[in-house]
Amino acid sequence: MAFAIRNLSVLAYANGFTLWHYKAGKDALETVGRGNYLADASDMLTAGDLMMITAADGARILCVTLADIQTVITAPLS
C-alpha cells in the first residue's frame, strides 16, 4: 500500500510545530520510515514536526528531519 493523504491528520499545532498521526494500514513500520514515503505530503510537513505512526506491525514516533519540494526524510525518536 502506498502513502494515502486521507490517513494523515493533525493532532496538535503550535508555534510552527505540528504533531501528526498517520494510519499506515497494511504497510509495516519499516516501509513508512523509509526515505520519501511521505513525499506526497511534503508541502504540509516541516523539519521538526513529529509523526505518530500506527502500522500493521505496531506504532512508532518519527521526527521529520527534512521536508522540501517532493522530499520528506524522517528518523525514529530514540
PDB file of N, CA and C in Angstrom:
ATOM      1  N   MET A   1       0.845  -1.184   0.000  1.00  0.00           N
ATOM      2  CA  MET A   1       0.000   0.000   0.000  1.00  0.00           C
ATOM      3  C   MET A   1       0.889   1.246   0.000  1.00  0.00           C
ATOM      4  N   ALA A   2       0.541   2.220  -0.755  1.00  0.00           N
ATOM      5  CA  ALA A   2       1.300   3.472  -0.828  1.00  0.00           C
ATOM      6  C   ALA A   2       0.734   4.489   0.162  1.00  0.00           C
ATOM      7  N   PHE A   3       1.461   5.566   0.345  1.00  0.00           N
ATOM      8  CA  PHE A   3       1.011   6.651   1.208  1.00  0.00           C
ATOM      9  C   PHE A   3      -0.359   7.152   0.756  1.00  0.00           C
ATOM     10  N   ALA A   4      -1.256   7.349   1.715  1.00  0.00           N
ATOM     11  CA  ALA A   4      -2.599   7.868   1.434  1.00  0.00           C
ATOM     12  C   ALA A   4      -2.819   9.132   2.258  1.00  0.00           C
ATOM     13  N   ILE A   5      -2.911  10.266   1.604  1.00  0.00           N
ATOM     14  CA  ILE A   5      -3.052  11.552   2.287  1.00  0.00           C
ATOM     15  C   ILE A   5      -4.263  11.586   3.212  1.00  0.00           C
ATOM     16  N   ARG A   6      -5.319  10.844   2.890  1.00  0.00           N
ATOM     17  CA  ARG A   6      -6.525  10.835   3.724  1.00  0.00           C
ATOM     18  C   ARG A   6      -6.286  10.192   5.090  1.00  0.00           C
ATOM     19  N   ASN A   7      -5.175   9.453   5.243  1.00  0.00           N
ATOM     20  CA  ASN A   7      -4.862   8.806   6.519  1.00  0.00           C
ATOM     21  C   ASN A   7      -3.926   9.645   7.390  1.00  0.00           C
ATOM     22  N   LEU A   8      -3.628  10.860   6.961  1.00  0.00           N
ATOM     23  CA  LEU A   8      -2.760  11.774   7.699  1.00  0.00           C
ATOM     24  C   LEU A   8      -3.612  12.843   8.374  1.00  0.00           C
ATOM     25  N   SER A   9      -3.453  13.000   9.687  1.00  0.00           N
ATOM     26  CA  SER A   9      -4.225  14.013  10.403  1.00  0.00           C
ATOM     27  C   SER A   9      -3.367  14.789  11.392  1.00  0.00           C
ATOM     28  N   VAL A  10      -3.756  16.021  11.617  1.00  0.00           N
ATOM     29  CA  VAL A  10      -3.095  16.882  12.596  1.00  0.00           C
ATOM     30  C   VAL A  10      -3.690  16.602  13.970  1.00  0.00           C
ATOM     31  N   LEU A  11      -2.822  16.339  14.946  1.00  0.00           N
ATOM     32  CA  LEU A  11      -3.274  16.148  16.327  1.00  0.00           C
ATOM     33  C   LEU A  11      -3.129  17.437  17.141  1.00  0.00           C
ATOM     34  N   ALA A  12      -2.045  18.186  16.866  1.00  0.00           N
ATOM     35  CA  ALA A  12      -1.812  19.437  17.593  1.00  0.00           C
ATOM     36  C   ALA A  12      -0.908  20.333  16.754  1.00  0.00           C
ATOM     37  N   TYR A  13      -1.103  21.643  16.932  1.00  0.00           N
ATOM     38  CA  TYR A  13      -0.298  22.621  16.216  1.00  0.00           C
ATOM     39  C   TYR A  13      -0.059  23.811  17.129  1.00  0.00           C
ATOM     40  N   ALA A  14       1.194  24.266  17.211  1.00  0.00           N
ATOM     41  CA  ALA A  14       1.514  25.467  17.979  1.00  0.00           C
ATOM     42  C   ALA A  14       2.889  25.980  17.582  1.00  0.00           C
ATOM     43  N   ASN A  15       3.000  27.282  17.400  1.00  0.00           N
ATOM     44  CA  ASN A  15       4.279  27.945  17.150  1.00  0.00           C
ATOM     45  C   ASN A  15       5.095  27.307  16.021  1.00  0.00           C
ATOM     46  N   GLY A  16       4.449  26.922  14.957  1.00  0.00           N
ATOM     47  CA  GLY A  16       5.146  26.351  13.816  1.00  0.00           C
ATOM     48  C   GLY A  16       5.470  24.877  13.933  1.00  0.00           C
ATOM     49  N   PHE A  17       5.073  24.240  15.024  1.00  0.00           N
ATOM     50  CA  PHE A  17       5.290  22.805  15.233  1.00  0.00           C
ATOM     51  C   PHE A  17       3.962  22.078  15.057  1.00  0.00           C
ATOM     52  N   THR A  18       4.007  20.919  14.390  1.00  0.00           N
ATOM     53  CA  THR A  18       2.798  20.120  14.215  1.00  0.00           C
ATOM     54  C   THR A  18       3.056  18.692  14.664  1.00  0.00           C
ATOM     55  N   LEU A  19       2.108  18.145  15.403  1.00  0.00           N
ATOM     56  CA  LEU A  19       2.101  16.742  15.786  1.00  0.00           C
ATOM     57  C   LEU A  19       1.084  16.060  14.894  1.00  0.00           C
ATOM     58  N   TRP A  20       1.535  15.062  14.146  1.00  0.00           N
ATOM     59  CA  TRP A  20       0.708  14.373  13.160  1.00  0.00           C
ATOM     60  C   TRP A  20       0.421  12.945  13.587  1.00  0.00           C
ATOM     61  N   HIS A  21      -0.624  12.371  13.026  1.00  0.00           N
ATOM     62  CA  HIS A  21      -0.871  10.937  13.127  1.00  0.00           C
ATOM     63  C   HIS A  21      -1.070  10.412  11.711  1.00  0.00           C
ATOM     64  N   TYR A  22      -0.435   9.271  11.433  1.00  0.00           N
ATOM     65  CA  TYR A  22      -0.628   8.616  10.143  1.00  0.00           C
ATOM     66  C   TYR A  22      -0.973   7.157  10.369  1.00  0.00           C
ATOM     67  N   LYS A  23      -2.090   6.733   9.819  1.00  0.00           N
ATOM     68  CA  LYS A  23      -2.514   5.337   9.888  1.00  0.00           C
ATOM     69  C   LYS A  23      -2.061   4.650   8.605  1.00  0.00           C
ATOM     70  N   ALA A  24      -1.079   3.760   8.737  1.00  0.00           N
ATOM     71  CA  ALA A  24      -0.424   3.163   7.577  1.00  0.00           C
ATOM     72  C   ALA A  24      -1.153   1.954   7.010  1.00  0.00           C
ATOM     73  N   GLY A  25      -2.235   1.531   7.620  1.00  0.00           N
ATOM     74  CA  GLY A  25      -2.986   0.396   7.097  1.00  0.00           C
ATOM     75  C   GLY A  25      -2.165  -0.876   7.112  1.00  0.00           C
ATOM     76  N   LYS A  26      -1.988  -1.491   5.952  1.00  0.00           N
ATOM     77  CA  LYS A  26      -1.254  -2.757   5.860  1.00  0.00           C
ATOM     78  C   LYS A  26       0.252  -2.580   5.745  1.00  0.00           C
ATOM     79  N   ASP A  27       0.727  -1.337   5.599  1.00  0.00           N
ATOM     80  CA  ASP A  27       2.168  -1.098   5.496  1.00  0.00           C
ATOM     81  C   ASP A  27       2.849  -1.316   6.846  1.00  0.00           C
ATOM     82  N   ALA A  28       4.074  -1.809   6.793  1.00  0.00           N
ATOM     83  CA  ALA A  28       4.875  -2.030   8.001  1.00  0.00           C
ATOM     84  C   ALA A  28       5.594  -0.747   8.407  1.00  0.00           C
ATOM     85  N   LEU A  29       6.011  -0.681   9.663  1.00  0.00           N
ATOM     86  CA  LEU A  29       6.729   0.488  10.166  1.00  0.00           C
ATOM     87  C   LEU A  29       7.990   0.765   9.353  1.00  0.00           C
ATOM     88  N   GLU A  30       8.702  -0.282   8.967  1.00  0.00           N
ATOM     89  CA  GLU A  30       9.918  -0.103   8.174  1.00  0.00           C
ATOM     90  C   GLU A  30       9.623   0.578   6.837  1.00  0.00           C
ATOM     91  N   THR A  31       8.514   0.244   6.226  1.00  0.00           N
ATOM     92  CA  THR A  31       8.117   0.843   4.948  1.00  0.00           C
ATOM     93  C   THR A  31       7.842   2.329   5.118  1.00  0.00           C
ATOM     94  N   VAL A  32       7.105   2.671   6.153  1.00  0.00           N
ATOM     95  CA  VAL A  32       6.754   4.078   6.401  1.00  0.00           C
ATOM     96  C   VAL A  32       7.993   4.897   6.731  1.00  0.00           C
ATOM     97  N   GLY A  33       8.947   4.304   7.443  1.00  0.00           N
ATOM     98  CA  GLY A  33      10.149   5.016   7.851  1.00  0.00           C
ATOM     99  C   GLY A  33      11.177   5.191   6.756  1.00  0.00           C
ATOM    100  N   ARG A  34      11.003   4.513   5.644  1.00  0.00           N
ATOM    101  CA  ARG A  34      11.955   4.644   4.532  1.00  0.00           C
ATOM    102  C   ARG A  34      11.915   6.048   3.952  1.00  0.00           C
ATOM    103  N   GLY A  35      13.046   6.444   3.398  1.00  0.00           N
ATOM    104  CA  GLY A  35      13.141   7.767   2.795  1.00  0.00           C
ATOM    105  C   GLY A  35      12.071   8.037   1.758  1.00  0.00           C
ATOM    106  N   ASN A  36      11.444   9.149   1.892  1.00  0.00           N
ATOM    107  CA  ASN A  36      10.493   9.709   0.932  1.00  0.00           C
ATOM    108  C   ASN A  36       9.137   9.006   0.841  1.00  0.00           C
ATOM    109  N   TYR A  37       8.796   8.129   1.773  1.00  0.00           N
ATOM    110  CA  TYR A  37       7.472   7.506   1.791  1.00  0.00           C
ATOM    111  C   TYR A  37       6.387   8.581   1.873  1.00  0.00           C
ATOM    112  N   LEU A  38       6.667   9.649   2.602  1.00  0.00           N
ATOM    113  CA  LEU A  38       5.684  10.711   2.853  1.00  0.00           C
ATOM    114  C   LEU A  38       5.800  11.875   1.860  1.00  0.00           C
ATOM    115  N   ALA A  39       6.436  11.664   0.731  1.00  0.00           N
ATOM    116  CA  ALA A  39       6.705  12.738  -0.228  1.00  0.00           C
ATOM    117  C   ALA A  39       5.456  13.475  -0.678  1.00  0.00           C
ATOM    118  N   ASP A  40       4.334  12.792  -0.789  1.00  0.00           N
ATOM    119  CA  ASP A  40       3.111  13.456  -1.248  1.00  0.00           C
ATOM    120  C   ASP A  40       2.598  14.492  -0.248  1.00  0.00           C
ATOM    121  N   ALA A  41       3.115  14.474   0.971  1.00  0.00           N
ATOM    122  CA  ALA A  41       2.717  15.457   1.988  1.00  0.00           C
ATOM    123  C   ALA A  41       3.821  16.485   2.222  1.00  0.00           C
ATOM    124  N   SER A  42       4.801  16.549   1.338  1.00  0.00           N
ATOM    125  CA  SER A  42       5.958  17.430   1.548  1.00  0.00           C
ATOM    126  C   SER A  42       5.579  18.904   1.680  1.00  0.00           C
ATOM    127  N   ASP A  43       4.478  19.309   1.067  1.00  0.00           N
ATOM    128  CA  ASP A  43       4.057  20.716   1.159  1.00  0.00           C
ATOM    129  C   ASP A  43       3.380  21.028   2.492  1.00  0.00           C
ATOM    130  N   MET A  44       3.078  20.008   3.307  1.00  0.00           N
ATOM    131  CA  MET A  44       2.415  20.223   4.592  1.00  0.00           C
ATOM    132  C   MET A  44       3.348  20.008   5.784  1.00  0.00           C
ATOM    133  N   LEU A  45       4.435  19.291   5.588  1.00  0.00           N
ATOM    134  CA  LEU A  45       5.340  18.930   6.675  1.00  0.00           C
ATOM    135  C   LEU A  45       6.511  19.884   6.765  1.00  0.00           C
ATOM    136  N   THR A  46       7.047  20.011   7.982  1.00  0.00           N
ATOM    137  CA  THR A  46       8.184  20.885   8.244  1.00  0.00           C
ATOM    138  C   THR A  46       9.195  20.135   9.089  1.00  0.00           C
ATOM    139  N   ALA A  47      10.466  20.380   8.854  1.00  0.00           N
ATOM    140  CA  ALA A  47      11.504  19.776   9.688  1.00  0.00           C
ATOM    141  C   ALA A  47      11.224  20.101  11.151  1.00  0.00           C
ATOM    142  N   GLY A  48      11.287  19.075  11.988  1.00  0.00           N
ATOM    143  CA  GLY A  48      10.992  19.235  13.411  1.00  0.00           C
ATOM    144  C   GLY A  48       9.606  18.751  13.794  1.00  0.00           C
ATOM    145  N   ASP A  49       8.720  18.571  12.818  1.00  0.00           N
ATOM    146  CA  ASP A  49       7.399  18.002  13.111  1.00  0.00           C
ATOM    147  C   ASP A  49       7.565  16.565  13.593  1.00  0.00           C
ATOM    148  N   LEU A  50       6.646  16.113  14.420  1.00  0.00           N
ATOM    149  CA  LEU A  50       6.632  14.733  14.878  1.00  0.00           C
ATOM    150  C   LEU A  50       5.438  14.017  14.273  1.00  0.00           C
ATOM    151  N   MET A  51       5.636  12.735  13.965  1.00  0.00           N
ATOM    152  CA  MET A  51       4.576  11.928  13.372  1.00  0.00           C
ATOM    153  C   MET A  51       4.394  10.663  14.189  1.00  0.00           C
ATOM    154  N   MET A  52       3.189  10.465  14.700  1.00  0.00           N
ATOM    155  CA  MET A  52       2.844   9.212  15.355  1.00  0.00           C
ATOM    156  C   MET A  52       2.324   8.289  14.263  1.00  0.00           C
ATOM    157  N   ILE A  53       2.969   7.154  14.104  1.00  0.00           N
ATOM    158  CA  ILE A  53       2.620   6.217  13.039  1.00  0.00           C
ATOM    159  C   ILE A  53       2.011   4.962  13.659  1.00  0.00           C
ATOM    160  N   THR A  54       0.857   4.549  13.159  1.00  0.00           N
ATOM    161  CA  THR A  54       0.323   3.237  13.509  1.00  0.00           C
ATOM    162  C   THR A  54       0.325   2.420  12.230  1.00  0.00           C
ATOM    163  N   ALA A  55       0.915   1.234  12.327  1.00  0.00           N
ATOM    164  CA  ALA A  55       1.093   0.386  11.158  1.00  0.00           C
ATOM    165  C   ALA A  55       0.636  -1.031  11.478  1.00  0.00           C
ATOM    166  N   ALA A  56       0.728  -1.899  10.491  1.00  0.00           N
ATOM    167  CA  ALA A  56       0.287  -3.283  10.647  1.00  0.00           C
ATOM    168  C   ALA A  56       1.073  -4.013  11.733  1.00  0.00           C
ATOM    169  N   ASP A  57       2.320  -3.609  11.950  1.00  0.00           N
ATOM    170  CA  ASP A  57       3.167  -4.309  12.914  1.00  0.00           C
ATOM    171  C   ASP A  57       3.504  -3.496  14.159  1.00  0.00           C
ATOM    172  N   GLY A  58       2.753  -2.436  14.458  1.00  0.00           N
ATOM    173  CA  GLY A  58       2.983  -1.674  15.683  1.00  0.00           C
ATOM    174  C   GLY A  58       2.872  -0.171  15.486  1.00  0.00           C
ATOM    175  N   ALA A  59       3.552   0.556  16.374  1.00  0.00           N
ATOM    176  CA  ALA A  59       3.492   2.018  16.343  1.00  0.00           C
ATOM    177  C   ALA A  59       4.885   2.586  16.588  1.00  0.00           C
ATOM    178  N   ARG A  60       5.080   3.814  16.140  1.00  0.00           N
ATOM    179  CA  ARG A  60       6.378   4.468  16.286  1.00  0.00           C
ATOM    180  C   ARG A  60       6.176   5.975  16.156  1.00  0.00           C
ATOM    181  N   ILE A  61       7.078   6.735  16.752  1.00  0.00           N
ATOM    182  CA  ILE A  61       7.085   8.183  16.567  1.00  0.00           C
ATOM    183  C   ILE A  61       8.298   8.535  15.711  1.00  0.00           C
ATOM    184  N   LEU A  62       8.037   9.256  14.633  1.00  0.00           N
ATOM    185  CA  LEU A  62       9.097   9.695  13.727  1.00  0.00           C
ATOM    186  C   LEU A  62       9.234  11.208  13.800  1.00  0.00           C
ATOM    187  N   CYS A  63      10.440  11.685  13.618  1.00  0.00           N
ATOM    188  CA  CYS A  63      10.711  13.114  13.532  1.00  0.00           C
ATOM    189  C   CYS A  63      11.010  13.437  12.071  1.00  0.00           C
ATOM    190  N   VAL A  64      10.394  14.478  11.553  1.00  0.00           N
ATOM    191  CA  VAL A  64      10.686  14.931  10.193  1.00  0.00           C
ATOM    192  C   VAL A  64      12.008  15.689  10.242  1.00  0.00           C
ATOM    193  N   THR A  65      13.017  15.170   9.543  1.00  0.00           N
ATOM    194  CA  THR A  65      14.329  15.820   9.552  1.00  0.00           C
ATOM    195  C   THR A  65      14.547  16.722   8.343  1.00  0.00           C
ATOM    196  N   LEU A  66      13.820  16.435   7.257  1.00  0.00           N
ATOM    197  CA  LEU A  66      13.902  17.259   6.060  1.00  0.00           C
ATOM    198  C   LEU A  66      12.571  17.210   5.342  1.00  0.00           C
ATOM    199  N   ALA A  67      12.071  18.358   4.964  1.00  0.00           N
ATOM    200  CA  ALA A  67      10.841  18.437   4.174  1.00  0.00           C
ATOM    201  C   ALA A  67      10.988  19.598   3.201  1.00  0.00           C
ATOM    202  N   ASP A  68      11.125  19.256   1.929  1.00  0.00           N
ATOM    203  CA  ASP A  68      11.143  20.284   0.895  1.00  0.00           C
ATOM    204  C   ASP A  68      10.362  19.756  -0.303  1.00  0.00           C
ATOM    205  N   ILE A  69      10.489  20.380  -1.425  1.00  0.00           N
ATOM    206  CA  ILE A  69       9.678  20.023  -2.593  1.00  0.00           C
ATOM    207  C   ILE A  69       9.859  18.548  -2.928  1.00  0.00           C
ATOM    208  N   GLN A  70       8.804  17.768  -2.734  1.00  0.00           N
ATOM    209  CA  GLN A  70       8.734  16.338  -3.054  1.00  0.00           C
ATOM    210  C   GLN A  70       9.730  15.459  -2.318  1.00  0.00           C
ATOM    211  N   THR A  71      10.249  15.920  -1.187  1.00  0.00           N
ATOM    212  CA  THR A  71      11.162  15.107  -0.389  1.00  0.00           C
ATOM    213  C   THR A  71      10.799  15.240   1.083  1.00  0.00           C
ATOM    214  N   VAL A  72      10.622  14.099   1.738  1.00  0.00           N
ATOM    215  CA  VAL A  72      10.421  14.071   3.189  1.00  0.00           C
ATOM    216  C   VAL A  72      11.287  12.953   3.741  1.00  0.00           C
ATOM    217  N   ILE A  73      12.190  13.307   4.644  1.00  0.00           N
ATOM    218  CA  ILE A  73      13.049  12.345   5.307  1.00  0.00           C
ATOM    219  C   ILE A  73      12.685  12.350   6.786  1.00  0.00           C
ATOM    220  N   THR A  74      12.563  11.156   7.361  1.00  0.00           N
ATOM    221  CA  THR A  74      12.209  11.034   8.782  1.00  0.00           C
ATOM    222  C   THR A  74      13.260  10.185   9.501  1.00  0.00           C
ATOM    223  N   ALA A  75      13.250  10.290  10.817  1.00  0.00           N
ATOM    224  CA  ALA A  75      14.115   9.461  11.668  1.00  0.00           C
ATOM    225  C   ALA A  75      13.308   9.084  12.894  1.00  0.00           C
ATOM    226  N   PRO A  76      13.462   7.850  13.374  1.00  0.00           N
ATOM    227  CA  PRO A  76      12.720   7.446  14.570  1.00  0.00           C
ATOM    228  C   PRO A  76      13.251   8.164  15.803  1.00  0.00           C
ATOM    229  N   LEU A  77      12.356   8.469  16.729  1.00  0.00           N
ATOM    230  CA  LEU A  77      12.798   9.032  18.004  1.00  0.00           C
ATOM    231  C   LEU A  77      13.412   7.910  18.821  1.00  0.00           C
ATOM    232  N   SER A  78      14.472   8.210  19.528  1.00  0.00           N
ATOM    233  CA  SER A  78      15.092   7.160  20.347  1.00  0.00           C
ATOM    234  C   SER A  78      14.832   7.387  21.804  1.00  0.00           C
TER     235      SER A  78
END
